[in-house]
Amino acid sequence: MTRTREWIYAWLLLLPAATLLALFTHYPAVANLWHSFQSTPKGSRPAKFIGLDNYRALVEDPIFWQALTNNLWYALGTIPLSIALAILMAVWVNQRMPGRGFLRLAYFTPTILPMIAVANIWLFFYTPGYGLLDQITGALGFGHHNWLGSQSTALPAIMVVTIWKEAGFFMIFYLAALQSMSPHLAEAAAIEGASRAYYFRRVTLPLLMPTTLFVLVNAIINAFRLVDHIVVMTRGGPDNATALLLYYIFEIGFRFWDSSYAAALTMVLLVLLGAVAIGQFVFLERRTHYQ
């Protein structure tokens, strides 16, 4: 009887969270899957089942493939640099130094700024002829450049904004992990004659793997859900050079009102993120050391 009461009590505690999870995560995903097999209702014409027609159109859509390619390059360009920079900043501000609190605040400030505000700040930096970046390059004799209007530099310019904003956020998790490590480890390594670089590579990084796994999952999700910066800074241009997958879904669903095709694109995004998450936990879990 006691075990039954504990079981009921445990499920009652989980019920509010499980209900919200089912209503706002599981049900929308299932509904989106069903909607992707139907046509888009227009006016008096209701939706009808069309099978895999939306997915066939997706395979033949060149803009989808370009948006997916852009997103992969965007993820490869932002995730490693953001995480590496976050680790370096965390190690630095974890040391005892004058002004350490101010330095931590300076690193974390971009994180608390709204995305729209960040996009407008960097839009000013990138303004041709008048922006801060062109003022610097002009003073150095390199001339002016339309950073967001050129296909070769538009996507890297968006990457810089993302790294600047996310590195400080990831730094907080690494700083917390570093502060939870026992100081006796560093003392023992110093007694054994280990250098700081060797200690960082063989002790600190392995102990940071649980944090890295958590940060990596969040970084990949963030890399595939960027919309705000694209809307404000480039609107996917020039010539779809900065069109990322979620922005393309947003454009199909809310600009062209093709909700069924947007649902099919969303399912591709969900499957892609699910596969990446499973791969992370399968391969990185083996190299993760928990204290």
C-alpha atoms as a PDB file:
ATOM      1  CA  MET A   1       0.000   0.000   0.000  1.00  0.00           C
ATOM      2  CA  THR A   2       2.857   2.360   0.830  1.00  0.00           C
ATOM      3  CA  ARG A   3       4.552   1.703  -2.528  1.00  0.00           C
ATOM      4  CA  THR A   4       1.261   2.369  -4.367  1.00  0.00           C
ATOM      5  CA  ARG A   5       0.830   5.663  -2.523  1.00  0.00           C
ATOM      6  CA  GLU A   6       4.369   6.709  -3.409  1.00  0.00           C
ATOM      7  CA  TRP A   7       3.764   5.804  -7.046  1.00  0.00           C
ATOM      8  CA  ILE A   8       0.538   7.841  -7.169  1.00  0.00           C
ATOM      9  CA  TYR A   9       2.153  10.738  -5.317  1.00  0.00           C
ATOM     10  CA  ALA A  10       5.101  10.759  -7.737  1.00  0.00           C
ATOM     11  CA  TRP A  11       2.843  10.818 -10.799  1.00  0.00           C
ATOM     12  CA  LEU A  12       0.708  13.576  -9.283  1.00  0.00           C
ATOM     13  CA  LEU A  13       3.855  15.655  -8.840  1.00  0.00           C
ATOM     14  CA  LEU A  14       4.836  15.005 -12.465  1.00  0.00           C
ATOM     15  CA  LEU A  15       1.350  15.606 -13.857  1.00  0.00           C
ATOM     16  CA  PRO A  16       1.500  19.440 -14.251  1.00  0.00           C
ATOM     17  CA  ALA A  17       4.850  19.353 -16.059  1.00  0.00           C
ATOM     18  CA  ALA A  18       3.824  16.325 -18.146  1.00  0.00           C
ATOM     19  CA  THR A  19       0.589  18.039 -19.137  1.00  0.00           C
ATOM     20  CA  LEU A  20       2.361  21.191 -20.264  1.00  0.00           C
ATOM     21  CA  LEU A  21       4.958  19.127 -22.129  1.00  0.00           C
ATOM     22  CA  ALA A  22       2.256  17.158 -23.933  1.00  0.00           C
ATOM     23  CA  LEU A  23       0.182  20.245 -24.795  1.00  0.00           C
ATOM     24  CA  PHE A  24       2.985  22.512 -25.972  1.00  0.00           C
ATOM     25  CA  THR A  25       5.566  20.020 -27.332  1.00  0.00           C
ATOM     26  CA  HIS A  26       4.235  16.581 -28.208  1.00  0.00           C
ATOM     27  CA  TYR A  27       0.786  17.546 -29.494  1.00  0.00           C
ATOM     28  CA  PRO A  28       2.109  20.367 -31.760  1.00  0.00           C
ATOM     29  CA  ALA A  29       4.723  18.001 -33.203  1.00  0.00           C
ATOM     30  CA  VAL A  30       2.133  15.323 -34.012  1.00  0.00           C
ATOM     31  CA  ALA A  31      -0.306  17.904 -35.380  1.00  0.00           C
ATOM     32  CA  ASN A  32       2.454  19.405 -37.521  1.00  0.00           C
ATOM     33  CA  LEU A  33       3.301  15.960 -38.909  1.00  0.00           C
ATOM     34  CA  TRP A  34      -0.336  15.352 -39.859  1.00  0.00           C
ATOM     35  CA  HIS A  35      -0.635  18.827 -41.390  1.00  0.00           C
ATOM     36  CA  SER A  36       2.442  18.218 -43.553  1.00  0.00           C
ATOM     37  CA  PHE A  37       0.507  15.480 -45.397  1.00  0.00           C
ATOM     38  CA  GLN A  38      -2.329  17.841 -46.253  1.00  0.00           C
ATOM     39  CA  SER A  39      -2.805  20.769 -48.603  1.00  0.00           C
ATOM     40  CA  THR A  40      -3.006  24.334 -47.349  1.00  0.00           C
ATOM     41  CA  PRO A  41      -6.631  25.434 -46.785  1.00  0.00           C
ATOM     42  CA  LYS A  42      -7.499  28.570 -48.744  1.00  0.00           C
ATOM     43  CA  GLY A  43     -10.766  30.428 -48.323  1.00  0.00           C
ATOM     44  CA  SER A  44     -13.703  28.083 -48.807  1.00  0.00           C
ATOM     45  CA  ARG A  45     -11.436  25.266 -49.976  1.00  0.00           C
ATOM     46  CA  PRO A  46     -10.643  23.000 -47.010  1.00  0.00           C
ATOM     47  CA  ALA A  47      -7.420  21.068 -46.596  1.00  0.00           C
ATOM     48  CA  LYS A  48      -7.232  17.632 -48.164  1.00  0.00           C
ATOM     49  CA  PHE A  49      -4.860  14.712 -47.804  1.00  0.00           C
ATOM     50  CA  ILE A  50      -2.109  14.858 -50.450  1.00  0.00           C
ATOM     51  CA  GLY A  51       0.361  12.314 -49.047  1.00  0.00           C
ATOM     52  CA  LEU A  52       4.023  13.045 -49.712  1.00  0.00           C
ATOM     53  CA  ASP A  53       3.484  15.842 -52.230  1.00  0.00           C
ATOM     54  CA  ASN A  54       4.901  18.489 -49.889  1.00  0.00           C
ATOM     55  CA  TYR A  55       8.015  16.398 -49.293  1.00  0.00           C
ATOM     56  CA  ARG A  56       8.461  15.841 -53.038  1.00  0.00           C
ATOM     57  CA  ALA A  57       8.241  19.593 -53.566  1.00  0.00           C
ATOM     58  CA  LEU A  58      10.763  20.050 -50.771  1.00  0.00           C
ATOM     59  CA  VAL A  59      13.295  17.753 -52.457  1.00  0.00           C
ATOM     60  CA  GLU A  60      12.951  19.738 -55.697  1.00  0.00           C
ATOM     61  CA  ASP A  61      13.134  23.150 -53.975  1.00  0.00           C
ATOM     62  CA  PRO A  62      16.555  24.765 -54.601  1.00  0.00           C
ATOM     63  CA  ILE A  63      15.991  27.474 -51.987  1.00  0.00           C
ATOM     64  CA  PHE A  64      15.434  24.812 -49.320  1.00  0.00           C
ATOM     65  CA  TRP A  65      18.748  23.176 -50.142  1.00  0.00           C
ATOM     66  CA  GLN A  66      20.494  26.532 -50.139  1.00  0.00           C
ATOM     67  CA  ALA A  67      18.946  27.435 -46.765  1.00  0.00           C
ATOM     68  CA  LEU A  68      19.962  24.054 -45.362  1.00  0.00           C
ATOM     69  CA  THR A  69      23.520  24.474 -46.677  1.00  0.00           C
ATOM     70  CA  ASN A  70      23.691  27.990 -45.248  1.00  0.00           C
ATOM     71  CA  ASN A  71      22.497  26.690 -41.896  1.00  0.00           C
ATOM     72  CA  LEU A  72      25.110  23.929 -41.822  1.00  0.00           C
ATOM     73  CA  TRP A  73      27.892  26.406 -42.588  1.00  0.00           C
ATOM     74  CA  TYR A  74      26.440  28.780 -40.021  1.00  0.00           C
ATOM     75  CA  ALA A  75      26.451  26.041 -37.370  1.00  0.00           C
ATOM     76  CA  LEU A  76      30.001  24.950 -38.228  1.00  0.00           C
ATOM     77  CA  GLY A  77      31.196  28.541 -38.096  1.00  0.00           C
ATOM     78  CA  THR A  78      29.523  29.623 -34.853  1.00  0.00           C
ATOM     79  CA  ILE A  79      29.323  26.604 -32.533  1.00  0.00           C
ATOM     80  CA  PRO A  80      33.049  25.679 -32.195  1.00  0.00           C
ATOM     81  CA  LEU A  81      34.170  29.306 -31.936  1.00  0.00           C
ATOM     82  CA  SER A  82      31.465  30.217 -29.412  1.00  0.00           C
ATOM     83  CA  ILE A  83      32.319  27.250 -27.177  1.00  0.00           C
ATOM     84  CA  ALA A  84      36.086  27.748 -27.442  1.00  0.00           C
ATOM     85  CA  LEU A  85      35.763  31.445 -26.679  1.00  0.00           C
ATOM     86  CA  ALA A  86      33.421  30.693 -23.764  1.00  0.00           C
ATOM     87  CA  ILE A  87      35.957  28.282 -22.234  1.00  0.00           C
ATOM     88  CA  LEU A  88      38.799  30.776 -22.605  1.00  0.00           C
ATOM     89  CA  MET A  89      36.757  33.575 -21.041  1.00  0.00           C
ATOM     90  CA  ALA A  90      35.615  31.336 -18.183  1.00  0.00           C
ATOM     91  CA  VAL A  91      39.172  30.234 -17.409  1.00  0.00           C
ATOM     92  CA  TRP A  92      40.338  33.840 -17.488  1.00  0.00           C
ATOM     93  CA  VAL A  93      37.628  35.332 -15.227  1.00  0.00           C
ATOM     94  CA  ASN A  94      37.915  32.368 -12.848  1.00  0.00           C
ATOM     95  CA  GLN A  95      41.336  33.620 -11.808  1.00  0.00           C
ATOM     96  CA  ARG A  96      41.902  36.166  -9.083  1.00  0.00           C
ATOM     97  CA  MET A  97      42.487  39.543 -10.700  1.00  0.00           C
ATOM     98  CA  PRO A  98      41.524  43.193 -10.179  1.00  0.00           C
ATOM     99  CA  GLY A  99      38.180  44.055 -11.739  1.00  0.00           C
ATOM    100  CA  ARG A 100      37.144  40.419 -12.150  1.00  0.00           C
ATOM    101  CA  GLY A 101      33.475  41.189 -11.432  1.00  0.00           C
ATOM    102  CA  PHE A 102      33.384  43.977 -14.009  1.00  0.00           C
ATOM    103  CA  LEU A 103      35.019  41.710 -16.585  1.00  0.00           C
ATOM    104  CA  ARG A 104      32.432  38.985 -15.976  1.00  0.00           C
ATOM    105  CA  LEU A 105      29.670  41.544 -16.377  1.00  0.00           C
ATOM    106  CA  ALA A 106      31.185  42.826 -19.613  1.00  0.00           C
ATOM    107  CA  TYR A 107      31.318  39.313 -21.065  1.00  0.00           C
ATOM    108  CA  PHE A 108      27.766  38.500 -20.013  1.00  0.00           C
ATOM    109  CA  THR A 109      26.152  41.807 -21.085  1.00  0.00           C
ATOM    110  CA  PRO A 110      25.529  40.803 -24.748  1.00  0.00           C
ATOM    111  CA  THR A 111      23.505  37.837 -23.514  1.00  0.00           C
ATOM    112  CA  ILE A 112      20.902  39.930 -21.705  1.00  0.00           C
ATOM    113  CA  LEU A 113      20.363  42.298 -24.630  1.00  0.00           C
ATOM    114  CA  PRO A 114      17.264  41.563 -26.744  1.00  0.00           C
ATOM    115  CA  MET A 115      18.021  39.964 -30.102  1.00  0.00           C
ATOM    116  CA  ILE A 116      16.372  42.833 -31.988  1.00  0.00           C
ATOM    117  CA  ALA A 117      18.537  45.341 -30.123  1.00  0.00           C
ATOM    118  CA  VAL A 118      21.680  43.321 -30.867  1.00  0.00           C
ATOM    119  CA  ALA A 119      20.753  43.129 -34.549  1.00  0.00           C
ATOM    120  CA  ASN A 120      20.246  46.907 -34.741  1.00  0.00           C
ATOM    121  CA  ILE A 121      23.546  47.590 -32.969  1.00  0.00           C
ATOM    122  CA  TRP A 122      25.457  45.440 -35.424  1.00  0.00           C
ATOM    123  CA  LEU A 123      23.435  46.817 -38.322  1.00  0.00           C
ATOM    124  CA  PHE A 124      24.949  50.172 -37.433  1.00  0.00           C
ATOM    125  CA  PHE A 125      28.425  48.624 -37.247  1.00  0.00           C
ATOM    126  CA  TYR A 126      28.015  47.135 -40.736  1.00  0.00           C
ATOM    127  CA  THR A 127      26.485  50.221 -42.422  1.00  0.00           C
ATOM    128  CA  PRO A 128      28.490  50.900 -45.610  1.00  0.00           C
ATOM    129  CA  GLY A 129      30.519  54.094 -45.412  1.00  0.00           C
ATOM    130  CA  TYR A 130      29.190  55.227 -42.028  1.00  0.00           C
ATOM    131  CA  GLY A 131      29.385  52.150 -39.804  1.00  0.00           C
ATOM    132  CA  LEU A 132      32.063  51.589 -37.198  1.00  0.00           C
ATOM    133  CA  LEU A 133      33.654  48.745 -39.147  1.00  0.00           C
ATOM    134  CA  ASP A 134      33.958  50.803 -42.313  1.00  0.00           C
ATOM    135  CA  GLN A 135      35.332  53.726 -40.342  1.00  0.00           C
ATOM    136  CA  ILE A 136      38.083  51.477 -39.006  1.00  0.00           C
ATOM    137  CA  THR A 137      38.888  49.846 -42.356  1.00  0.00           C
ATOM    138  CA  GLY A 138      38.787  53.254 -44.062  1.00  0.00           C
ATOM    139  CA  ALA A 139      41.240  54.703 -41.548  1.00  0.00           C
ATOM    140  CA  LEU A 140      43.558  51.750 -42.234  1.00  0.00           C
ATOM    141  CA  GLY A 141      43.367  52.365 -45.980  1.00  0.00           C
ATOM    142  CA  PHE A 142      41.285  49.317 -46.944  1.00  0.00           C
ATOM    143  CA  GLY A 143      38.312  51.257 -48.303  1.00  0.00           C
ATOM    144  CA  HIS A 144      34.612  50.624 -47.728  1.00  0.00           C
ATOM    145  CA  HIS A 145      32.676  47.389 -48.116  1.00  0.00           C
ATOM    146  CA  ASN A 146      28.993  46.436 -48.008  1.00  0.00           C
ATOM    147  CA  TRP A 147      29.321  43.661 -45.442  1.00  0.00           C
ATOM    148  CA  LEU A 148      25.659  42.625 -45.413  1.00  0.00           C
ATOM    149  CA  GLY A 149      25.068  43.314 -49.104  1.00  0.00           C
ATOM    150  CA  SER A 150      27.796  41.031 -50.431  1.00  0.00           C
ATOM    151  CA  GLN A 151      27.201  37.295 -50.842  1.00  0.00           C
ATOM    152  CA  SER A 152      30.744  36.504 -49.727  1.00  0.00           C
ATOM    153  CA  THR A 153      30.566  38.378 -46.408  1.00  0.00           C
ATOM    154  CA  ALA A 154      26.868  38.487 -45.429  1.00  0.00           C
ATOM    155  CA  LEU A 155      26.727  35.086 -43.725  1.00  0.00           C
ATOM    156  CA  PRO A 156      30.108  35.472 -41.940  1.00  0.00           C
ATOM    157  CA  ALA A 157      28.901  38.874 -40.693  1.00  0.00           C
ATOM    158  CA  ILE A 158      25.825  37.211 -39.149  1.00  0.00           C
ATOM    159  CA  MET A 159      28.117  34.574 -37.607  1.00  0.00           C
ATOM    160  CA  VAL A 160      30.168  37.259 -35.858  1.00  0.00           C
ATOM    161  CA  VAL A 161      27.008  38.676 -34.272  1.00  0.00           C
ATOM    162  CA  THR A 162      25.990  35.232 -33.002  1.00  0.00           C
ATOM    163  CA  ILE A 163      29.421  34.459 -31.539  1.00  0.00           C
ATOM    164  CA  TRP A 164      29.512  37.849 -29.816  1.00  0.00           C
ATOM    165  CA  LYS A 165      26.101  37.255 -28.242  1.00  0.00           C
ATOM    166  CA  GLU A 166      26.340  33.562 -27.288  1.00  0.00           C
ATOM    167  CA  ALA A 167      29.907  33.221 -26.000  1.00  0.00           C
ATOM    168  CA  GLY A 168      29.130  35.118 -22.801  1.00  0.00           C
ATOM    169  CA  PHE A 169      26.041  32.995 -22.174  1.00  0.00           C
ATOM    170  CA  PHE A 170      28.017  29.754 -22.501  1.00  0.00           C
ATOM    171  CA  MET A 171      30.783  31.233 -20.348  1.00  0.00           C
ATOM    172  CA  ILE A 172      28.442  31.283 -17.325  1.00  0.00           C
ATOM    173  CA  PHE A 173      28.017  27.499 -17.443  1.00  0.00           C
ATOM    174  CA  TYR A 174      31.747  26.885 -17.807  1.00  0.00           C
ATOM    175  CA  LEU A 175      32.503  29.316 -14.996  1.00  0.00           C
ATOM    176  CA  ALA A 176      30.101  27.464 -12.703  1.00  0.00           C
ATOM    177  CA  ALA A 177      31.723  24.152 -13.657  1.00  0.00           C
ATOM    178  CA  LEU A 178      35.228  25.501 -13.003  1.00  0.00           C
ATOM    179  CA  GLN A 179      34.217  26.827  -9.587  1.00  0.00           C
ATOM    180  CA  SER A 180      32.778  23.427  -8.632  1.00  0.00           C
ATOM    181  CA  MET A 181      36.106  21.669  -9.260  1.00  0.00           C
ATOM    182  CA  SER A 182      38.157  20.767  -6.223  1.00  0.00           C
ATOM    183  CA  PRO A 183      41.271  22.964  -5.799  1.00  0.00           C
ATOM    184  CA  HIS A 184      43.128  19.876  -4.569  1.00  0.00           C
ATOM    185  CA  LEU A 185      43.345  18.646  -8.158  1.00  0.00           C
ATOM    186  CA  ALA A 186      45.447  21.638  -9.200  1.00  0.00           C
ATOM    187  CA  GLU A 187      47.596  21.312  -6.072  1.00  0.00           C
ATOM    188  CA  ALA A 188      48.248  17.618  -6.737  1.00  0.00           C
ATOM    189  CA  ALA A 189      49.117  18.339 -10.378  1.00  0.00           C
ATOM    190  CA  ALA A 190      51.520  21.107  -9.334  1.00  0.00           C
ATOM    191  CA  ILE A 191      53.255  18.754  -6.892  1.00  0.00           C
ATOM    192  CA  GLU A 192      53.677  16.211  -9.671  1.00  0.00           C
ATOM    193  CA  GLY A 193      55.244  18.866 -11.868  1.00  0.00           C
ATOM    194  CA  ALA A 194      52.441  19.111 -14.429  1.00  0.00           C
ATOM    195  CA  SER A 195      52.397  22.305 -16.479  1.00  0.00           C
ATOM    196  CA  ARG A 196      49.306  24.490 -16.649  1.00  0.00           C
ATOM    197  CA  ALA A 197      48.719  23.518 -20.274  1.00  0.00           C
ATOM    198  CA  TYR A 198      49.007  19.810 -19.456  1.00  0.00           C
ATOM    199  CA  TYR A 199      46.665  20.189 -16.466  1.00  0.00           C
ATOM    200  CA  PHE A 200      44.135  22.058 -18.597  1.00  0.00           C
ATOM    201  CA  ARG A 201      44.255  19.451 -21.364  1.00  0.00           C
ATOM    202  CA  ARG A 202      44.274  16.303 -19.205  1.00  0.00           C
ATOM    203  CA  VAL A 203      42.209  17.367 -16.181  1.00  0.00           C
ATOM    204  CA  THR A 204      40.154  20.498 -16.776  1.00  0.00           C
ATOM    205  CA  LEU A 205      38.784  19.689 -20.227  1.00  0.00           C
ATOM    206  CA  PRO A 206      37.684  16.120 -19.340  1.00  0.00           C
ATOM    207  CA  LEU A 207      35.932  17.396 -16.218  1.00  0.00           C
ATOM    208  CA  LEU A 208      34.203  20.051 -18.333  1.00  0.00           C
ATOM    209  CA  MET A 209      32.719  17.457 -20.694  1.00  0.00           C
ATOM    210  CA  PRO A 210      29.285  17.304 -18.959  1.00  0.00           C
ATOM    211  CA  THR A 211      29.038  21.069 -19.325  1.00  0.00           C
ATOM    212  CA  THR A 212      30.290  20.896 -22.901  1.00  0.00           C
ATOM    213  CA  LEU A 213      27.633  18.320 -23.749  1.00  0.00           C
ATOM    214  CA  PHE A 214      24.924  20.559 -22.313  1.00  0.00           C
ATOM    215  CA  VAL A 215      26.302  23.664 -24.029  1.00  0.00           C
ATOM    216  CA  LEU A 216      26.709  21.845 -27.342  1.00  0.00           C
ATOM    217  CA  VAL A 217      23.064  20.737 -27.374  1.00  0.00           C
ATOM    218  CA  ASN A 218      21.949  24.311 -26.692  1.00  0.00           C
ATOM    219  CA  ALA A 219      24.350  25.740 -29.269  1.00  0.00           C
ATOM    220  CA  ILE A 220      23.066  23.454 -32.016  1.00  0.00           C
ATOM    221  CA  ILE A 221      19.453  24.259 -31.180  1.00  0.00           C
ATOM    222  CA  ASN A 222      20.290  27.980 -31.242  1.00  0.00           C
ATOM    223  CA  ALA A 223      22.067  27.608 -34.578  1.00  0.00           C
ATOM    224  CA  PHE A 224      18.925  26.212 -36.205  1.00  0.00           C
ATOM    225  CA  ARG A 225      16.391  28.600 -34.677  1.00  0.00           C
ATOM    226  CA  LEU A 226      17.812  31.975 -35.658  1.00  0.00           C
ATOM    227  CA  VAL A 227      15.188  34.300 -37.122  1.00  0.00           C
ATOM    228  CA  ASP A 228      15.421  37.698 -35.400  1.00  0.00           C
ATOM    229  CA  HIS A 229      18.838  38.738 -36.675  1.00  0.00           C
ATOM    230  CA  ILE A 230      18.037  37.643 -40.212  1.00  0.00           C
ATOM    231  CA  VAL A 231      14.734  39.572 -40.281  1.00  0.00           C
ATOM    232  CA  VAL A 232      16.327  42.794 -39.050  1.00  0.00           C
ATOM    233  CA  MET A 233      19.699  42.656 -40.808  1.00  0.00           C
ATOM    234  CA  THR A 234      19.353  40.917 -44.184  1.00  0.00           C
ATOM    235  CA  ARG A 235      15.886  39.330 -44.676  1.00  0.00           C
ATOM    236  CA  GLY A 236      17.678  36.325 -46.115  1.00  0.00           C
ATOM    237  CA  GLY A 237      19.565  38.293 -48.757  1.00  0.00           C
ATOM    238  CA  PRO A 238      21.457  39.005 -50.782  1.00  0.00           C
ATOM    239  CA  ASP A 239      20.067  36.348 -53.158  1.00  0.00           C
ATOM    240  CA  ASN A 240      19.277  33.962 -50.238  1.00  0.00           C
ATOM    241  CA  ALA A 241      22.904  34.048 -49.049  1.00  0.00           C
ATOM    242  CA  THR A 242      21.771  34.367 -45.421  1.00  0.00           C
ATOM    243  CA  ALA A 243      18.497  32.429 -45.660  1.00  0.00           C
ATOM    244  CA  LEU A 244      18.643  29.909 -42.809  1.00  0.00           C
ATOM    245  CA  LEU A 245      16.238  27.013 -42.434  1.00  0.00           C
ATOM    246  CA  LEU A 246      13.960  28.453 -39.746  1.00  0.00           C
ATOM    247  CA  TYR A 247      13.845  31.822 -41.500  1.00  0.00           C
ATOM    248  CA  TYR A 248      12.791  30.048 -44.699  1.00  0.00           C
ATOM    249  CA  ILE A 249      10.064  28.226 -42.732  1.00  0.00           C
ATOM    250  CA  PHE A 250       8.946  31.567 -41.292  1.00  0.00           C
ATOM    251  CA  GLU A 251       8.868  33.114 -44.763  1.00  0.00           C
ATOM    252  CA  ILE A 252       6.899  30.225 -46.303  1.00  0.00           C
ATOM    253  CA  GLY A 253       4.416  30.085 -43.445  1.00  0.00           C
ATOM    254  CA  PHE A 254       3.815  33.784 -42.723  1.00  0.00           C
ATOM    255  CA  ARG A 255       4.714  35.575 -45.940  1.00  0.00           C
ATOM    256  CA  PHE A 256       3.423  33.168 -48.564  1.00  0.00           C
ATOM    257  CA  TRP A 257       0.849  31.518 -46.227  1.00  0.00           C
ATOM    258  CA  ASP A 258       1.684  27.998 -47.415  1.00  0.00           C
ATOM    259  CA  SER A 259       1.234  26.383 -44.000  1.00  0.00           C
ATOM    260  CA  SER A 260       1.339  22.761 -45.172  1.00  0.00           C
ATOM    261  CA  TYR A 261       4.665  23.207 -46.966  1.00  0.00           C
ATOM    262  CA  ALA A 262       5.993  25.061 -43.914  1.00  0.00           C
ATOM    263  CA  ALA A 263       4.883  22.077 -41.801  1.00  0.00           C
ATOM    264  CA  ALA A 264       6.892  19.725 -44.029  1.00  0.00           C
ATOM    265  CA  LEU A 265       9.936  21.973 -43.681  1.00  0.00           C
ATOM    266  CA  THR A 266       9.432  22.005 -39.919  1.00  0.00           C
ATOM    267  CA  MET A 267       9.400  18.203 -39.803  1.00  0.00           C
ATOM    268  CA  VAL A 268      12.734  18.142 -41.624  1.00  0.00           C
ATOM    269  CA  LEU A 269      14.126  20.540 -39.039  1.00  0.00           C
ATOM    270  CA  LEU A 270      12.791  18.434 -36.138  1.00  0.00           C
ATOM    271  CA  VAL A 271      14.217  15.226 -37.583  1.00  0.00           C
ATOM    272  CA  LEU A 272      17.571  16.906 -38.193  1.00  0.00           C
ATOM    273  CA  LEU A 273      17.794  18.250 -34.642  1.00  0.00           C
ATOM    274  CA  GLY A 274      16.658  14.915 -33.192  1.00  0.00           C
ATOM    275  CA  ALA A 275      19.316  13.023 -35.139  1.00  0.00           C
ATOM    276  CA  VAL A 276      22.024  15.454 -34.049  1.00  0.00           C
ATOM    277  CA  ALA A 277      20.941  15.240 -30.396  1.00  0.00           C
ATOM    278  CA  ILE A 278      20.947  11.429 -30.462  1.00  0.00           C
ATOM    279  CA  GLY A 279      24.371  11.426 -32.087  1.00  0.00           C
ATOM    280  CA  GLN A 280      25.717  13.778 -29.455  1.00  0.00           C
ATOM    281  CA  PHE A 281      24.544  11.657 -26.547  1.00  0.00           C
ATOM    282  CA  VAL A 282      25.665   8.395 -28.190  1.00  0.00           C
ATOM    283  CA  PHE A 283      29.201   9.494 -29.085  1.00  0.00           C
ATOM    284  CA  LEU A 284      29.989  12.192 -26.518  1.00  0.00           C
ATOM    285  CA  GLU A 285      28.506  10.343 -23.547  1.00  0.00           C
ATOM    286  CA  ARG A 286      31.394   7.864 -23.742  1.00  0.00           C
ATOM    287  CA  ARG A 287      33.889  10.701 -23.266  1.00  0.00           C
ATOM    288  CA  THR A 288      31.950  12.436 -20.523  1.00  0.00           C
ATOM    289  CA  HIS A 289      33.258  12.142 -16.968  1.00  0.00           C
ATOM    290  CA  TYR A 290      30.874  12.959 -14.143  1.00  0.00           C
ATOM    291  CA  GLN A 291      32.196  13.864 -10.706  1.00  0.00           C
END
